Protein backbone atom coordinates (compact mmCIF):
# COMPACT_ATOMS: atom_id res chain seq x y z
CA MET A 1 105.18 25.34 -219.45
CA ASN A 2 108.10 22.92 -219.05
CA ARG A 3 110.41 22.23 -216.17
CA VAL A 4 113.96 23.58 -216.20
CA LYS A 5 116.91 21.51 -215.00
CA ILE A 6 119.24 23.45 -212.70
CA THR A 7 122.67 21.93 -212.14
CA VAL A 8 125.18 23.32 -209.64
CA LEU A 9 128.37 23.57 -211.72
CA ARG A 10 130.74 25.31 -209.32
CA ARG A 11 130.99 26.77 -205.86
CA THR A 12 133.61 29.48 -205.82
CA LEU A 13 135.37 31.69 -203.31
CA GLN A 14 136.87 35.03 -204.25
CA GLU A 15 139.74 34.64 -201.81
CA ASP A 16 141.11 38.17 -202.08
CA LEU A 17 137.70 39.76 -201.49
CA ALA A 18 136.82 37.27 -198.76
CA ALA A 19 140.09 38.06 -196.95
CA GLN A 20 139.41 41.78 -197.15
CA TYR A 21 135.65 41.87 -196.46
CA GLY A 22 134.47 38.48 -195.25
CA VAL A 23 134.18 37.07 -191.77
CA GLN A 24 137.02 34.98 -190.39
CA GLY A 25 136.98 31.47 -191.87
CA LEU A 26 134.53 32.24 -194.69
CA GLY A 27 134.47 29.39 -197.18
CA LYS A 28 132.52 28.33 -200.23
CA CYS A 29 128.72 28.33 -200.06
CA PRO A 30 127.55 25.79 -197.48
CA MET A 31 124.01 25.52 -198.94
CA LEU A 32 124.71 23.77 -202.23
CA ARG A 33 127.05 21.09 -203.59
CA GLU A 34 128.59 20.75 -207.04
CA GLY A 35 126.63 18.29 -209.15
CA GLN A 36 123.34 18.84 -207.32
CA VAL A 37 120.35 18.92 -209.66
CA PHE A 38 117.06 20.74 -209.10
CA TYR A 39 114.00 21.19 -211.31
CA ALA A 40 111.92 24.34 -211.33
CA ASP A 41 109.36 26.22 -213.43
CA TYR A 42 107.14 28.90 -211.93
CA ALA A 43 108.35 28.08 -208.43
CA LYS A 44 111.62 27.37 -206.62
CA SER A 45 112.53 23.76 -205.91
CA ASP A 46 112.51 22.59 -202.30
CA GLY A 47 115.99 22.89 -200.84
CA PHE A 48 117.18 25.48 -203.35
CA CYS A 49 118.73 28.63 -201.91
CA ASP A 50 116.29 31.57 -201.74
CA GLU A 51 118.95 34.13 -202.62
CA ALA A 52 120.22 32.12 -205.59
CA TRP A 53 116.62 31.77 -206.80
CA LYS A 54 116.22 35.55 -206.78
CA ALA A 55 119.28 35.82 -209.05
CA ILE A 56 118.26 33.18 -211.62
CA TYR A 57 114.46 32.96 -211.63
CA GLN A 58 113.98 35.20 -214.67
CA TYR A 59 116.10 32.85 -216.79
CA VAL A 60 114.27 29.80 -215.41
CA PHE A 61 110.94 31.47 -216.24
CA ALA A 62 112.05 32.29 -219.80
CA LEU A 63 113.34 28.77 -220.44
CA ALA A 64 110.23 27.21 -218.88
CA HIS A 65 108.12 29.22 -221.32
CA GLY A 66 109.98 28.03 -224.38
CA VAL A 67 112.66 30.60 -225.18
CA LYS A 68 114.54 28.96 -228.04
CA GLU A 69 117.12 31.55 -229.02
CA PRO A 70 120.30 32.15 -227.05
CA PHE A 71 119.87 35.03 -224.61
CA TYR A 72 120.99 38.62 -225.22
CA TYR A 73 121.21 38.85 -228.98
CA CYS A 74 123.44 35.76 -229.19
CA ASP A 75 126.41 37.50 -227.53
CA TRP A 76 126.34 35.57 -224.25
CA ILE A 77 125.49 31.85 -224.42
CA GLY A 78 125.87 30.06 -227.75
CA VAL A 79 123.68 27.05 -226.92
CA PRO A 80 119.92 27.39 -227.35
CA GLY A 81 117.88 26.41 -224.31
CA VAL A 82 120.78 26.93 -221.90
CA ALA A 83 121.82 29.71 -219.51
CA ILE A 84 124.86 29.82 -217.24
CA CYS A 85 124.10 31.99 -214.22
CA SER A 86 125.38 32.66 -210.74
CA CYS A 87 123.94 33.67 -207.43
CA ASN A 88 124.49 37.20 -206.21
CA ASP A 89 126.99 36.42 -203.42
CA GLY A 90 129.98 38.50 -204.41
CA LEU A 91 132.38 36.68 -202.09
CA ARG A 92 131.35 33.07 -202.78
CA PRO A 93 129.19 32.88 -205.90
CA VAL A 94 127.72 29.59 -207.05
CA ILE A 95 127.57 28.93 -210.81
CA PHE A 96 124.50 27.18 -212.27
CA LYS A 97 123.65 25.62 -215.61
CA LEU A 98 119.99 26.04 -216.53
CA GLU A 99 118.59 23.77 -219.24
CA ALA A 100 115.17 23.72 -220.86
CA THR A 101 113.55 20.29 -220.80
CA GLN A 102 110.58 18.74 -222.55
CA GLU A 103 109.11 17.66 -219.20
CA GLN A 104 105.71 19.27 -218.59
CA SER A 105 105.23 21.24 -215.39
CA THR A 106 102.48 20.28 -213.01
CA ILE A 107 100.82 22.61 -210.53
CA GLY A 108 101.41 21.34 -207.03
CA TYR A 109 98.28 22.96 -205.60
CA THR A 110 94.61 23.43 -206.41
CA PRO A 111 93.87 26.99 -207.57
CA VAL A 112 91.12 28.70 -205.62
CA GLY A 113 88.52 30.58 -207.62
CA ASP A 114 86.07 33.27 -206.56
């Protein structure tokens, strides 16, 4: 299994929806910054948003395990080894670029056997 590079491409705000449904003063996501880079594989990187992880982990897992073809029958992303995903915040979604790497994953714990 290889590590996957996760880059924060954009923090967005759906201003019309935020004005109608959001709390007063709602802005772009305060948890992440554009240009931030994380690495993940079977587990979420420290400091990465839990909710965003829930939205993208299946793509990270696939890329970490060597998916070579573009996702979804080649009608989504045209670059092998890449996925562009967003978190599930409908008012202020964050857009991520996921990239397969050749960097081997390491287990950060000692497995316990019976």
